[in-house]
Amino acid sequence: MSTSELIEKLPKAELHIHLEGSLEPELLFELATRNKFSLEYDSVEQLRKAYVFSNLQEFLDIYYIGMNVLQTEEDFFDLAAAYFQKALQDNVRHVEAFFDPQAHTSRGIPLRAIFSGFKKAIAAANDKGMSVYLIPCFLRHLPAIDAVQTFVAMEPFLEDIHGVGLDSSEQGCPPSLFVEVYDQARAAGLKTVAHAGEEGPPEYIWQAIDQLKVDRIDHGNRAMEDSLLVNRIVERKIPLTVCPLSNLQLGVVSDLRDHPLRKMLDSGIVATVNSDDPAYFGGYVNENYLHAATALNLSDKDIVVLAKNSFTGSFLPDASTASHIADIEQIEKELVSRS
């Protein structure tokens, strides 16, 4: 069995995917036409050529422009349904999907339209055997009080979400600013995650763990610069949701051969592989597995561990996690028998 065949065959969970980041140029143009929104690009090809970034902020600048085409419940349904279809093709059985409510409500889009569109797409995905948890993220470049107000506004929809997250521009926006809203989320029974250590220093990861008390770290690359932090992450079994192609496209690493994923696995960290914003970074989850495996010379065993980690690092009930891992172990037995 080739590496690509193994990756395709393995059941996987995706734990770091921004639904707005799966907005492919073709759908973006379709929605712009539907909503009579004028784009500064003349074609899909011209827009795709603009997807060249040297850092996180350059990406975010164009990312937020693209969001403007999302205006109605139907738009949010189409966005999520398109991603779920691609994920199903990659044998993704469970998704914990991010979205940015503030980026939409600030444009006058009602939360009800967002949630209604996503819920219909999730119901369709469920019918095809995929489970989905929604995780709204707070935009860290906005004042922390805005995050608190957004959480209050989402109270009528809390039964539709599974946790909260923190994303957007990391530099100069430490997790410590958001303690209040994270306390509120935990009090409401929600799981908590946060982007930290993508471009920000290891100290941001410490803050996310100790002050926000997160269940999971998104990215976490720079944790490897601090051995005490690595020990804390391993001891507490805090999963990291790693995004190889995103890191490459945004200059977090200049070459995938330098990516810390291998060191994370060797350190005993529950590292997972994810696509982040696949429409912008050139690959959905299987491509991220394949590129990482090739660049880092990952073995079949490493790839199996990553697939298992995707479920153990998820917020699924123990029974569901065990069922998915049992399916992976069956494939693992096939590999052993053929070797």
C-alpha atoms as a PDB file:
ATOM      1  CA  MET A   1       0.000   0.000   0.000  1.00  0.00           C
ATOM      2  CA  SER A   2       1.483   3.337  -1.004  1.00  0.00           C
ATOM      3  CA  THR A   3       1.601   6.297   1.352  1.00  0.00           C
ATOM      4  CA  SER A   4      -1.137   8.083  -0.575  1.00  0.00           C
ATOM      5  CA  GLU A   5      -3.334   4.979  -0.552  1.00  0.00           C
ATOM      6  CA  LEU A   6      -2.875   4.616   3.205  1.00  0.00           C
ATOM      7  CA  ILE A   7      -3.795   8.243   3.806  1.00  0.00           C
ATOM      8  CA  GLU A   8      -6.886   7.921   1.629  1.00  0.00           C
ATOM      9  CA  LYS A   9      -7.970   4.740   3.400  1.00  0.00           C
ATOM     10  CA  LEU A  10      -7.538   5.947   6.980  1.00  0.00           C
ATOM     11  CA  PRO A  11     -10.542   7.466   8.758  1.00  0.00           C
ATOM     12  CA  LYS A  12      -9.653  10.923  10.027  1.00  0.00           C
ATOM     13  CA  ALA A  13     -10.987  13.809  12.066  1.00  0.00           C
ATOM     14  CA  GLU A  14     -10.230  17.402  11.107  1.00  0.00           C
ATOM     15  CA  LEU A  15      -9.858  19.677  14.117  1.00  0.00           C
ATOM     16  CA  HIS A  16      -8.510  22.898  12.601  1.00  0.00           C
ATOM     17  CA  ILE A  17     -10.563  24.114   9.669  1.00  0.00           C
ATOM     18  CA  HIS A  18     -11.963  27.620   9.219  1.00  0.00           C
ATOM     19  CA  LEU A  19     -15.144  27.292   7.195  1.00  0.00           C
ATOM     20  CA  GLU A  20     -14.609  30.723   5.674  1.00  0.00           C
ATOM     21  CA  GLY A  21     -11.125  29.540   4.702  1.00  0.00           C
ATOM     22  CA  SER A  22     -12.648  26.809   2.535  1.00  0.00           C
ATOM     23  CA  LEU A  23     -14.295  29.402   0.268  1.00  0.00           C
ATOM     24  CA  GLU A  24     -12.897  28.407  -3.110  1.00  0.00           C
ATOM     25  CA  PRO A  25     -12.567  31.178  -5.739  1.00  0.00           C
ATOM     26  CA  GLU A  26     -15.240  29.554  -7.929  1.00  0.00           C
ATOM     27  CA  LEU A  27     -17.825  29.664  -5.139  1.00  0.00           C
ATOM     28  CA  LEU A  28     -16.665  33.128  -4.102  1.00  0.00           C
ATOM     29  CA  PHE A  29     -17.422  34.443  -7.596  1.00  0.00           C
ATOM     30  CA  GLU A  30     -20.751  32.604  -7.651  1.00  0.00           C
ATOM     31  CA  LEU A  31     -21.826  34.178  -4.363  1.00  0.00           C
ATOM     32  CA  ALA A  32     -20.601  37.602  -5.428  1.00  0.00           C
ATOM     33  CA  THR A  33     -22.809  37.364  -8.528  1.00  0.00           C
ATOM     34  CA  ARG A  34     -25.766  36.093  -6.507  1.00  0.00           C
ATOM     35  CA  ASN A  35     -25.483  38.967  -4.026  1.00  0.00           C
ATOM     36  CA  LYS A  36     -24.508  41.621  -6.579  1.00  0.00           C
ATOM     37  CA  PHE A  37     -21.243  42.224  -4.761  1.00  0.00           C
ATOM     38  CA  SER A  38     -18.490  43.819  -6.827  1.00  0.00           C
ATOM     39  CA  LEU A  39     -15.065  42.161  -6.667  1.00  0.00           C
ATOM     40  CA  GLU A  40     -11.778  43.845  -7.552  1.00  0.00           C
ATOM     41  CA  TYR A  41     -10.743  40.708  -9.441  1.00  0.00           C
ATOM     42  CA  ASP A  42     -11.918  39.973 -12.980  1.00  0.00           C
ATOM     43  CA  SER A  43     -11.680  36.188 -12.896  1.00  0.00           C
ATOM     44  CA  VAL A  44     -11.202  33.105 -10.768  1.00  0.00           C
ATOM     45  CA  GLU A  45      -7.683  32.777 -12.172  1.00  0.00           C
ATOM     46  CA  GLN A  46      -6.751  36.348 -11.240  1.00  0.00           C
ATOM     47  CA  LEU A  47      -8.071  35.878  -7.712  1.00  0.00           C
ATOM     48  CA  ARG A  48      -6.218  32.610  -7.223  1.00  0.00           C
ATOM     49  CA  LYS A  49      -2.978  34.257  -8.350  1.00  0.00           C
ATOM     50  CA  ALA A  50      -3.437  36.726  -5.471  1.00  0.00           C
ATOM     51  CA  TYR A  51      -3.164  33.863  -2.997  1.00  0.00           C
ATOM     52  CA  VAL A  52       0.533  34.428  -2.354  1.00  0.00           C
ATOM     53  CA  PHE A  53       1.376  35.428   1.203  1.00  0.00           C
ATOM     54  CA  SER A  54       4.567  36.054   3.146  1.00  0.00           C
ATOM     55  CA  ASN A  55       2.942  36.222   6.581  1.00  0.00           C
ATOM     56  CA  LEU A  56      -0.308  35.791   8.483  1.00  0.00           C
ATOM     57  CA  GLN A  57      -1.452  39.400   8.134  1.00  0.00           C
ATOM     58  CA  GLU A  58      -1.134  39.403   4.332  1.00  0.00           C
ATOM     59  CA  PHE A  59      -3.393  36.364   4.237  1.00  0.00           C
ATOM     60  CA  LEU A  60      -5.916  37.867   6.653  1.00  0.00           C
ATOM     61  CA  ASP A  61      -6.198  41.025   4.552  1.00  0.00           C
ATOM     62  CA  ILE A  62      -7.526  39.094   1.551  1.00  0.00           C
ATOM     63  CA  TYR A  63      -9.353  36.536   3.723  1.00  0.00           C
ATOM     64  CA  TYR A  64     -11.617  39.189   5.244  1.00  0.00           C
ATOM     65  CA  ILE A  65     -12.287  40.736   1.812  1.00  0.00           C
ATOM     66  CA  GLY A  66     -13.513  37.362   0.570  1.00  0.00           C
ATOM     67  CA  MET A  67     -15.946  37.055   3.465  1.00  0.00           C
ATOM     68  CA  ASN A  68     -17.987  39.952   2.130  1.00  0.00           C
ATOM     69  CA  VAL A  69     -19.729  37.695  -0.374  1.00  0.00           C
ATOM     70  CA  LEU A  70     -21.271  35.679   2.490  1.00  0.00           C
ATOM     71  CA  GLN A  71     -24.561  37.416   3.169  1.00  0.00           C
ATOM     72  CA  THR A  72     -27.496  35.010   3.436  1.00  0.00           C
ATOM     73  CA  GLU A  73     -28.414  31.725   5.090  1.00  0.00           C
ATOM     74  CA  GLU A  74     -28.102  30.077   1.682  1.00  0.00           C
ATOM     75  CA  ASP A  75     -24.546  31.409   1.313  1.00  0.00           C
ATOM     76  CA  PHE A  76     -23.445  29.920   4.634  1.00  0.00           C
ATOM     77  CA  PHE A  77     -25.107  26.628   3.716  1.00  0.00           C
ATOM     78  CA  ASP A  78     -23.304  26.516   0.369  1.00  0.00           C
ATOM     79  CA  LEU A  79     -19.972  27.363   2.010  1.00  0.00           C
ATOM     80  CA  ALA A  80     -20.180  24.626   4.645  1.00  0.00           C
ATOM     81  CA  ALA A  81     -21.741  22.017   2.341  1.00  0.00           C
ATOM     82  CA  ALA A  82     -18.922  22.438  -0.188  1.00  0.00           C
ATOM     83  CA  TYR A  83     -16.284  21.897   2.504  1.00  0.00           C
ATOM     84  CA  PHE A  84     -18.072  18.880   4.009  1.00  0.00           C
ATOM     85  CA  GLN A  85     -18.245  17.271   0.570  1.00  0.00           C
ATOM     86  CA  LYS A  86     -14.490  17.670   0.079  1.00  0.00           C
ATOM     87  CA  ALA A  87     -13.809  16.375   3.588  1.00  0.00           C
ATOM     88  CA  LEU A  88     -15.955  13.307   2.963  1.00  0.00           C
ATOM     89  CA  GLN A  89     -13.910  12.597  -0.155  1.00  0.00           C
ATOM     90  CA  ASP A  90     -10.815  12.621   2.094  1.00  0.00           C
ATOM     91  CA  ASN A  91     -12.463  10.076   4.420  1.00  0.00           C
ATOM     92  CA  VAL A  92     -12.915  12.644   7.180  1.00  0.00           C
ATOM     93  CA  ARG A  93     -15.500  11.231   9.558  1.00  0.00           C
ATOM     94  CA  HIS A  94     -15.576  14.005  12.138  1.00  0.00           C
ATOM     95  CA  VAL A  95     -15.030  17.767  11.868  1.00  0.00           C
ATOM     96  CA  GLU A  96     -14.633  20.437  14.523  1.00  0.00           C
ATOM     97  CA  ALA A  97     -15.142  23.519  12.405  1.00  0.00           C
ATOM     98  CA  PHE A  98     -14.229  27.113  13.184  1.00  0.00           C
ATOM     99  CA  PHE A  99     -16.048  30.209  12.004  1.00  0.00           C
ATOM    100  CA  ASP A 100     -15.735  33.927  12.810  1.00  0.00           C
ATOM    101  CA  PRO A 101     -19.074  35.406  13.880  1.00  0.00           C
ATOM    102  CA  GLN A 102     -17.664  38.910  14.461  1.00  0.00           C
ATOM    103  CA  ALA A 103     -16.470  39.106  10.858  1.00  0.00           C
ATOM    104  CA  HIS A 104     -20.101  38.721   9.780  1.00  0.00           C
ATOM    105  CA  THR A 105     -22.106  40.518  12.451  1.00  0.00           C
ATOM    106  CA  SER A 106     -19.863  43.565  11.959  1.00  0.00           C
ATOM    107  CA  ARG A 107     -21.233  43.655   8.391  1.00  0.00           C
ATOM    108  CA  GLY A 108     -24.821  43.482   9.597  1.00  0.00           C
ATOM    109  CA  ILE A 109     -25.266  39.748   9.005  1.00  0.00           C
ATOM    110  CA  PRO A 110     -27.562  38.282  11.696  1.00  0.00           C
ATOM    111  CA  LEU A 111     -26.274  35.358  13.726  1.00  0.00           C
ATOM    112  CA  ARG A 112     -29.454  33.455  12.924  1.00  0.00           C
ATOM    113  CA  ALA A 113     -28.604  33.413   9.201  1.00  0.00           C
ATOM    114  CA  ILE A 114     -25.121  32.058   9.955  1.00  0.00           C
ATOM    115  CA  PHE A 115     -26.275  29.347  12.322  1.00  0.00           C
ATOM    116  CA  SER A 116     -29.261  28.329  10.215  1.00  0.00           C
ATOM    117  CA  GLY A 117     -27.123  27.900   7.107  1.00  0.00           C
ATOM    118  CA  PHE A 118     -24.452  25.923   8.934  1.00  0.00           C
ATOM    119  CA  LYS A 119     -27.001  23.720  10.734  1.00  0.00           C
ATOM    120  CA  LYS A 120     -28.640  22.675   7.466  1.00  0.00           C
ATOM    121  CA  ALA A 121     -25.251  21.780   5.993  1.00  0.00           C
ATOM    122  CA  ILE A 122     -24.346  19.832   9.140  1.00  0.00           C
ATOM    123  CA  ALA A 123     -27.617  17.897   8.977  1.00  0.00           C
ATOM    124  CA  ALA A 124     -26.796  16.901   5.394  1.00  0.00           C
ATOM    125  CA  ALA A 125     -23.277  15.858   6.434  1.00  0.00           C
ATOM    126  CA  ASN A 126     -24.690  13.824   9.317  1.00  0.00           C
ATOM    127  CA  ASP A 127     -26.891  11.965   6.827  1.00  0.00           C
ATOM    128  CA  LYS A 128     -23.695  10.943   5.013  1.00  0.00           C
ATOM    129  CA  GLY A 129     -22.053   9.638   8.170  1.00  0.00           C
ATOM    130  CA  MET A 130     -20.001  12.663   9.216  1.00  0.00           C
ATOM    131  CA  SER A 131     -20.295  14.237  12.665  1.00  0.00           C
ATOM    132  CA  VAL A 132     -19.651  17.971  13.000  1.00  0.00           C
ATOM    133  CA  TYR A 133     -19.052  20.259  15.977  1.00  0.00           C
ATOM    134  CA  LEU A 134     -19.135  24.043  15.507  1.00  0.00           C
ATOM    135  CA  ILE A 135     -16.559  26.232  17.284  1.00  0.00           C
ATOM    136  CA  PRO A 136     -17.002  30.000  16.861  1.00  0.00           C
ATOM    137  CA  CYS A 137     -13.735  31.907  17.249  1.00  0.00           C
ATOM    138  CA  PHE A 138     -13.222  35.371  18.694  1.00  0.00           C
ATOM    139  CA  LEU A 139     -11.152  37.788  16.612  1.00  0.00           C
ATOM    140  CA  ARG A 140      -8.191  38.696  18.779  1.00  0.00           C
ATOM    141  CA  HIS A 141      -7.402  41.905  16.862  1.00  0.00           C
ATOM    142  CA  LEU A 142     -10.693  43.343  18.155  1.00  0.00           C
ATOM    143  CA  PRO A 143     -11.154  44.570  21.750  1.00  0.00           C
ATOM    144  CA  ALA A 144     -11.756  41.819  24.296  1.00  0.00           C
ATOM    145  CA  ILE A 145     -15.065  43.429  25.271  1.00  0.00           C
ATOM    146  CA  ASP A 146     -16.278  42.772  21.721  1.00  0.00           C
ATOM    147  CA  ALA A 147     -15.649  39.064  22.295  1.00  0.00           C
ATOM    148  CA  VAL A 148     -17.687  39.198  25.517  1.00  0.00           C
ATOM    149  CA  GLN A 149     -20.541  40.960  23.732  1.00  0.00           C
ATOM    150  CA  THR A 150     -20.412  38.421  20.912  1.00  0.00           C
ATOM    151  CA  PHE A 151     -20.610  35.549  23.382  1.00  0.00           C
ATOM    152  CA  VAL A 152     -23.670  37.134  25.002  1.00  0.00           C
ATOM    153  CA  ALA A 153     -25.246  37.555  21.549  1.00  0.00           C
ATOM    154  CA  MET A 154     -24.634  33.852  20.837  1.00  0.00           C
ATOM    155  CA  GLU A 155     -26.418  32.663  23.990  1.00  0.00           C
ATOM    156  CA  PRO A 156     -29.596  31.726  22.048  1.00  0.00           C
ATOM    157  CA  PHE A 157     -27.417  29.440  19.902  1.00  0.00           C
ATOM    158  CA  LEU A 158     -25.241  27.793  22.568  1.00  0.00           C
ATOM    159  CA  GLU A 159     -26.879  24.417  21.985  1.00  0.00           C
ATOM    160  CA  ASP A 160     -25.550  24.575  18.418  1.00  0.00           C
ATOM    161  CA  ILE A 161     -21.892  25.035  19.370  1.00  0.00           C
ATOM    162  CA  HIS A 162     -19.421  22.790  21.144  1.00  0.00           C
ATOM    163  CA  GLY A 163     -16.703  25.219  22.153  1.00  0.00           C
ATOM    164  CA  VAL A 164     -15.069  28.577  21.515  1.00  0.00           C
ATOM    165  CA  GLY A 165     -11.751  29.537  19.968  1.00  0.00           C
ATOM    166  CA  LEU A 166      -9.427  32.482  19.389  1.00  0.00           C
ATOM    167  CA  ASP A 167      -7.945  33.394  16.007  1.00  0.00           C
ATOM    168  CA  SER A 168      -6.859  36.258  13.694  1.00  0.00           C
ATOM    169  CA  SER A 169      -3.683  38.373  14.036  1.00  0.00           C
ATOM    170  CA  GLU A 170      -1.558  36.843  16.784  1.00  0.00           C
ATOM    171  CA  GLN A 171       1.348  39.263  17.240  1.00  0.00           C
ATOM    172  CA  GLY A 172       0.570  41.820  19.942  1.00  0.00           C
ATOM    173  CA  CYS A 173      -2.739  40.164  20.834  1.00  0.00           C
ATOM    174  CA  PRO A 174      -1.941  37.783  23.711  1.00  0.00           C
ATOM    175  CA  PRO A 175      -4.443  35.201  24.986  1.00  0.00           C
ATOM    176  CA  SER A 176      -4.372  36.848  28.427  1.00  0.00           C
ATOM    177  CA  LEU A 177      -6.658  39.595  27.105  1.00  0.00           C
ATOM    178  CA  PHE A 178      -9.519  37.114  26.741  1.00  0.00           C
ATOM    179  CA  VAL A 179      -9.712  35.508  30.172  1.00  0.00           C
ATOM    180  CA  GLU A 180     -13.189  36.909  30.897  1.00  0.00           C
ATOM    181  CA  VAL A 181     -14.917  35.473  27.825  1.00  0.00           C
ATOM    182  CA  TYR A 182     -13.176  32.105  28.256  1.00  0.00           C
ATOM    183  CA  ASP A 183     -14.356  31.940  31.867  1.00  0.00           C
ATOM    184  CA  GLN A 184     -17.884  32.582  30.610  1.00  0.00           C
ATOM    185  CA  ALA A 185     -17.594  29.875  27.969  1.00  0.00           C
ATOM    186  CA  ARG A 186     -16.358  27.254  30.431  1.00  0.00           C
ATOM    187  CA  ALA A 187     -19.112  28.214  32.857  1.00  0.00           C
ATOM    188  CA  ALA A 188     -21.581  27.510  30.039  1.00  0.00           C
ATOM    189  CA  GLY A 189     -20.119  24.014  29.670  1.00  0.00           C
ATOM    190  CA  LEU A 190     -18.220  24.660  26.433  1.00  0.00           C
ATOM    191  CA  LYS A 191     -14.824  23.320  25.398  1.00  0.00           C
ATOM    192  CA  THR A 192     -12.072  25.866  24.759  1.00  0.00           C
ATOM    193  CA  VAL A 193      -9.278  26.092  22.186  1.00  0.00           C
ATOM    194  CA  ALA A 194      -7.000  28.919  21.047  1.00  0.00           C
ATOM    195  CA  HIS A 195      -4.576  29.704  18.254  1.00  0.00           C
ATOM    196  CA  ALA A 196      -1.191  30.204  19.895  1.00  0.00           C
ATOM    197  CA  GLY A 197       2.433  29.848  18.888  1.00  0.00           C
ATOM    198  CA  GLU A 198       1.866  30.148  15.140  1.00  0.00           C
ATOM    199  CA  GLU A 199       3.699  33.469  14.897  1.00  0.00           C
ATOM    200  CA  GLY A 200       3.401  34.473  18.544  1.00  0.00           C
ATOM    201  CA  PRO A 201       5.992  33.430  21.156  1.00  0.00           C
ATOM    202  CA  PRO A 202       5.887  30.366  23.437  1.00  0.00           C
ATOM    203  CA  GLU A 203       4.616  32.696  26.170  1.00  0.00           C
ATOM    204  CA  TYR A 204       1.293  32.921  24.305  1.00  0.00           C
ATOM    205  CA  ILE A 205       0.951  29.141  24.554  1.00  0.00           C
ATOM    206  CA  TRP A 206       1.657  29.298  28.290  1.00  0.00           C
ATOM    207  CA  GLN A 207      -1.052  31.959  28.624  1.00  0.00           C
ATOM    208  CA  ALA A 208      -3.562  29.903  26.646  1.00  0.00           C
ATOM    209  CA  ILE A 209      -2.935  26.905  28.898  1.00  0.00           C
ATOM    210  CA  ASP A 210      -2.636  28.617  32.281  1.00  0.00           C
ATOM    211  CA  GLN A 211      -4.968  31.602  31.906  1.00  0.00           C
ATOM    212  CA  LEU A 212      -7.516  30.545  29.311  1.00  0.00           C
ATOM    213  CA  LYS A 213      -7.306  26.913  30.526  1.00  0.00           C
ATOM    214  CA  VAL A 214      -7.744  25.605  26.991  1.00  0.00           C
ATOM    215  CA  ASP A 215      -8.462  21.975  26.173  1.00  0.00           C
ATOM    216  CA  ARG A 216      -6.452  22.177  22.949  1.00  0.00           C
ATOM    217  CA  ILE A 217      -3.874  24.428  21.236  1.00  0.00           C
ATOM    218  CA  ASP A 218      -4.269  25.377  17.578  1.00  0.00           C
ATOM    219  CA  HIS A 219      -0.900  25.419  15.783  1.00  0.00           C
ATOM    220  CA  GLY A 220       1.518  25.501  18.738  1.00  0.00           C
ATOM    221  CA  ASN A 221       4.630  25.325  16.543  1.00  0.00           C
ATOM    222  CA  ARG A 222       6.743  27.518  18.774  1.00  0.00           C
ATOM    223  CA  ALA A 223       6.143  25.321  21.798  1.00  0.00           C
ATOM    224  CA  MET A 224       9.161  23.350  20.594  1.00  0.00           C
ATOM    225  CA  GLU A 225      11.396  26.286  21.585  1.00  0.00           C
ATOM    226  CA  ASP A 226      10.601  25.723  25.280  1.00  0.00           C
ATOM    227  CA  SER A 227      11.361  22.299  26.789  1.00  0.00           C
ATOM    228  CA  LEU A 228       9.371  23.050  29.947  1.00  0.00           C
ATOM    229  CA  LEU A 229       6.368  23.942  27.809  1.00  0.00           C
ATOM    230  CA  VAL A 230       6.736  20.727  25.814  1.00  0.00           C
ATOM    231  CA  ASN A 231       6.772  18.798  29.097  1.00  0.00           C
ATOM    232  CA  ARG A 232       3.590  20.564  30.232  1.00  0.00           C
ATOM    233  CA  ILE A 233       1.828  19.806  26.951  1.00  0.00           C
ATOM    234  CA  VAL A 234       2.857  16.135  27.097  1.00  0.00           C
ATOM    235  CA  GLU A 235       1.963  15.712  30.766  1.00  0.00           C
ATOM    236  CA  ARG A 236      -1.482  17.234  30.325  1.00  0.00           C
ATOM    237  CA  LYS A 237      -2.009  15.506  26.970  1.00  0.00           C
ATOM    238  CA  ILE A 238      -2.974  18.808  25.375  1.00  0.00           C
ATOM    239  CA  PRO A 239      -3.457  18.161  21.636  1.00  0.00           C
ATOM    240  CA  LEU A 240      -1.929  20.447  19.010  1.00  0.00           C
ATOM    241  CA  THR A 241      -3.776  21.008  15.730  1.00  0.00           C
ATOM    242  CA  VAL A 242      -0.948  21.382  13.229  1.00  0.00           C
ATOM    243  CA  CYS A 243      -1.425  22.784   9.717  1.00  0.00           C
ATOM    244  CA  PRO A 244       1.625  22.011   7.523  1.00  0.00           C
ATOM    245  CA  LEU A 245       0.630  23.645   4.219  1.00  0.00           C
ATOM    246  CA  SER A 246      -0.686  26.724   6.010  1.00  0.00           C
ATOM    247  CA  ASN A 247       2.620  27.059   7.873  1.00  0.00           C
ATOM    248  CA  LEU A 248       4.506  26.804   4.595  1.00  0.00           C
ATOM    249  CA  GLN A 249       2.328  29.301   2.712  1.00  0.00           C
ATOM    250  CA  LEU A 250       2.476  31.872   5.519  1.00  0.00           C
ATOM    251  CA  GLY A 251       6.213  31.602   6.076  1.00  0.00           C
ATOM    252  CA  VAL A 252       5.972  30.010   9.522  1.00  0.00           C
ATOM    253  CA  VAL A 253       8.411  27.500   8.035  1.00  0.00           C
ATOM    254  CA  SER A 254      10.381  28.148   4.853  1.00  0.00           C
ATOM    255  CA  ASP A 255      10.557  24.455   3.968  1.00  0.00           C
ATOM    256  CA  LEU A 256       8.288  21.610   5.074  1.00  0.00           C
ATOM    257  CA  ARG A 257      11.412  19.613   5.861  1.00  0.00           C
ATOM    258  CA  ASP A 258      11.926  22.041   8.757  1.00  0.00           C
ATOM    259  CA  HIS A 259       8.408  21.628  10.115  1.00  0.00           C
ATOM    260  CA  PRO A 260       8.299  20.651  13.826  1.00  0.00           C
ATOM    261  CA  LEU A 261       5.650  17.946  13.349  1.00  0.00           C
ATOM    262  CA  ARG A 262       8.231  15.152  13.503  1.00  0.00           C
ATOM    263  CA  LYS A 263       9.730  16.582  16.710  1.00  0.00           C
ATOM    264  CA  MET A 264       6.247  16.886  18.198  1.00  0.00           C
ATOM    265  CA  LEU A 265       5.553  13.201  17.571  1.00  0.00           C
ATOM    266  CA  ASP A 266       8.960  12.179  18.912  1.00  0.00           C
ATOM    267  CA  SER A 267       8.296  14.248  22.058  1.00  0.00           C
ATOM    268  CA  GLY A 268       5.043  12.411  22.736  1.00  0.00           C
ATOM    269  CA  ILE A 269       2.778  15.332  21.865  1.00  0.00           C
ATOM    270  CA  VAL A 270      -0.716  14.482  20.586  1.00  0.00           C
ATOM    271  CA  ALA A 271      -0.133  16.262  17.266  1.00  0.00           C
ATOM    272  CA  THR A 272      -2.787  16.233  14.552  1.00  0.00           C
ATOM    273  CA  VAL A 273      -2.715  17.235  10.868  1.00  0.00           C
ATOM    274  CA  ASN A 274      -5.275  19.670   9.489  1.00  0.00           C
ATOM    275  CA  SER A 275      -5.884  22.009   6.548  1.00  0.00           C
ATOM    276  CA  ASP A 276      -6.616  25.360   8.277  1.00  0.00           C
ATOM    277  CA  ASP A 277      -7.778  27.473   5.278  1.00  0.00           C
ATOM    278  CA  PRO A 278      -7.510  25.022   2.387  1.00  0.00           C
ATOM    279  CA  ALA A 279      -8.914  27.250  -0.348  1.00  0.00           C
ATOM    280  CA  TYR A 280      -6.046  29.674   0.242  1.00  0.00           C
ATOM    281  CA  PHE A 281      -3.210  27.284   1.090  1.00  0.00           C
ATOM    282  CA  GLY A 282      -3.511  24.713  -1.672  1.00  0.00           C
ATOM    283  CA  GLY A 283      -4.649  21.558   0.051  1.00  0.00           C
ATOM    284  CA  TYR A 284      -7.336  19.818   2.076  1.00  0.00           C
ATOM    285  CA  VAL A 285      -6.546  17.345   4.816  1.00  0.00           C
ATOM    286  CA  ASN A 286      -5.229  14.462   2.699  1.00  0.00           C
ATOM    287  CA  GLU A 287      -2.844  16.782   0.859  1.00  0.00           C
ATOM    288  CA  ASN A 288      -1.545  18.026   4.196  1.00  0.00           C
ATOM    289  CA  TYR A 289      -0.910  14.457   5.339  1.00  0.00           C
ATOM    290  CA  LEU A 290       0.807  13.575   2.075  1.00  0.00           C
ATOM    291  CA  HIS A 291       3.023  16.652   1.880  1.00  0.00           C
ATOM    292  CA  ALA A 292       4.037  16.303   5.525  1.00  0.00           C
ATOM    293  CA  ALA A 293       4.727  12.584   5.134  1.00  0.00           C
ATOM    294  CA  THR A 294       6.888  13.192   2.082  1.00  0.00           C
ATOM    295  CA  ALA A 295       8.844  16.145   3.484  1.00  0.00           C
ATOM    296  CA  LEU A 296       9.435  14.610   6.918  1.00  0.00           C
ATOM    297  CA  ASN A 297       9.875  11.019   5.764  1.00  0.00           C
ATOM    298  CA  LEU A 298       7.029   9.840   7.988  1.00  0.00           C
ATOM    299  CA  SER A 299       6.551   6.091   8.241  1.00  0.00           C
ATOM    300  CA  ASP A 300       3.252   4.255   7.865  1.00  0.00           C
ATOM    301  CA  LYS A 301       3.255   3.950  11.657  1.00  0.00           C
ATOM    302  CA  ASP A 302       3.638   7.732  12.026  1.00  0.00           C
ATOM    303  CA  ILE A 303       0.721   8.324   9.666  1.00  0.00           C
ATOM    304  CA  VAL A 304      -1.445   5.870  11.593  1.00  0.00           C
ATOM    305  CA  VAL A 305      -0.538   7.639  14.848  1.00  0.00           C
ATOM    306  CA  LEU A 306      -1.569  10.977  13.335  1.00  0.00           C
ATOM    307  CA  ALA A 307      -4.925   9.531  12.278  1.00  0.00           C
ATOM    308  CA  LYS A 308      -5.475   8.119  15.771  1.00  0.00           C
ATOM    309  CA  ASN A 309      -4.450  11.445  17.310  1.00  0.00           C
ATOM    310  CA  SER A 310      -7.084  13.215  15.245  1.00  0.00           C
ATOM    311  CA  PHE A 311      -9.761  11.325  17.160  1.00  0.00           C
ATOM    312  CA  THR A 312      -8.111  11.218  20.599  1.00  0.00           C
ATOM    313  CA  GLY A 313      -7.540  14.952  20.266  1.00  0.00           C
ATOM    314  CA  SER A 314     -11.171  15.591  19.365  1.00  0.00           C
ATOM    315  CA  PHE A 315     -14.096  16.390  21.641  1.00  0.00           C
ATOM    316  CA  LEU A 316     -15.989  13.260  20.623  1.00  0.00           C
ATOM    317  CA  PRO A 317     -17.421  11.003  23.349  1.00  0.00           C
ATOM    318  CA  ASP A 318     -15.084   8.195  24.399  1.00  0.00           C
ATOM    319  CA  ALA A 319     -17.239   5.532  22.747  1.00  0.00           C
ATOM    320  CA  SER A 320     -17.173   7.299  19.380  1.00  0.00           C
ATOM    321  CA  THR A 321     -13.431   7.837  19.610  1.00  0.00           C
ATOM    322  CA  ALA A 322     -12.883   4.169  20.426  1.00  0.00           C
ATOM    323  CA  SER A 323     -15.006   3.103  17.457  1.00  0.00           C
ATOM    324  CA  HIS A 324     -13.034   5.233  15.004  1.00  0.00           C
ATOM    325  CA  ILE A 325      -9.697   4.092  16.432  1.00  0.00           C
ATOM    326  CA  ALA A 326     -10.812   0.467  16.156  1.00  0.00           C
ATOM    327  CA  ASP A 327     -11.342   1.037  12.434  1.00  0.00           C
ATOM    328  CA  ILE A 328      -7.858   2.524  12.157  1.00  0.00           C
ATOM    329  CA  GLU A 329      -6.379  -0.416  14.026  1.00  0.00           C
ATOM    330  CA  GLN A 330      -7.995  -2.792  11.560  1.00  0.00           C
ATOM    331  CA  ILE A 331      -6.153  -1.021   8.741  1.00  0.00           C
ATOM    332  CA  GLU A 332      -3.001  -1.144  10.862  1.00  0.00           C
ATOM    333  CA  LYS A 333      -3.349  -4.929  11.123  1.00  0.00           C
ATOM    334  CA  GLU A 334      -3.646  -5.151   7.348  1.00  0.00           C
ATOM    335  CA  LEU A 335      -0.385  -3.224   7.025  1.00  0.00           C
ATOM    336  CA  VAL A 336       1.390  -5.591   9.408  1.00  0.00           C
ATOM    337  CA  SER A 337       0.082  -8.673   7.648  1.00  0.00           C
ATOM    338  CA  ARG A 338       1.350  -7.395   4.306  1.00  0.00           C
ATOM    339  CA  SER A 339       4.821  -6.479   5.581  1.00  0.00           C
END
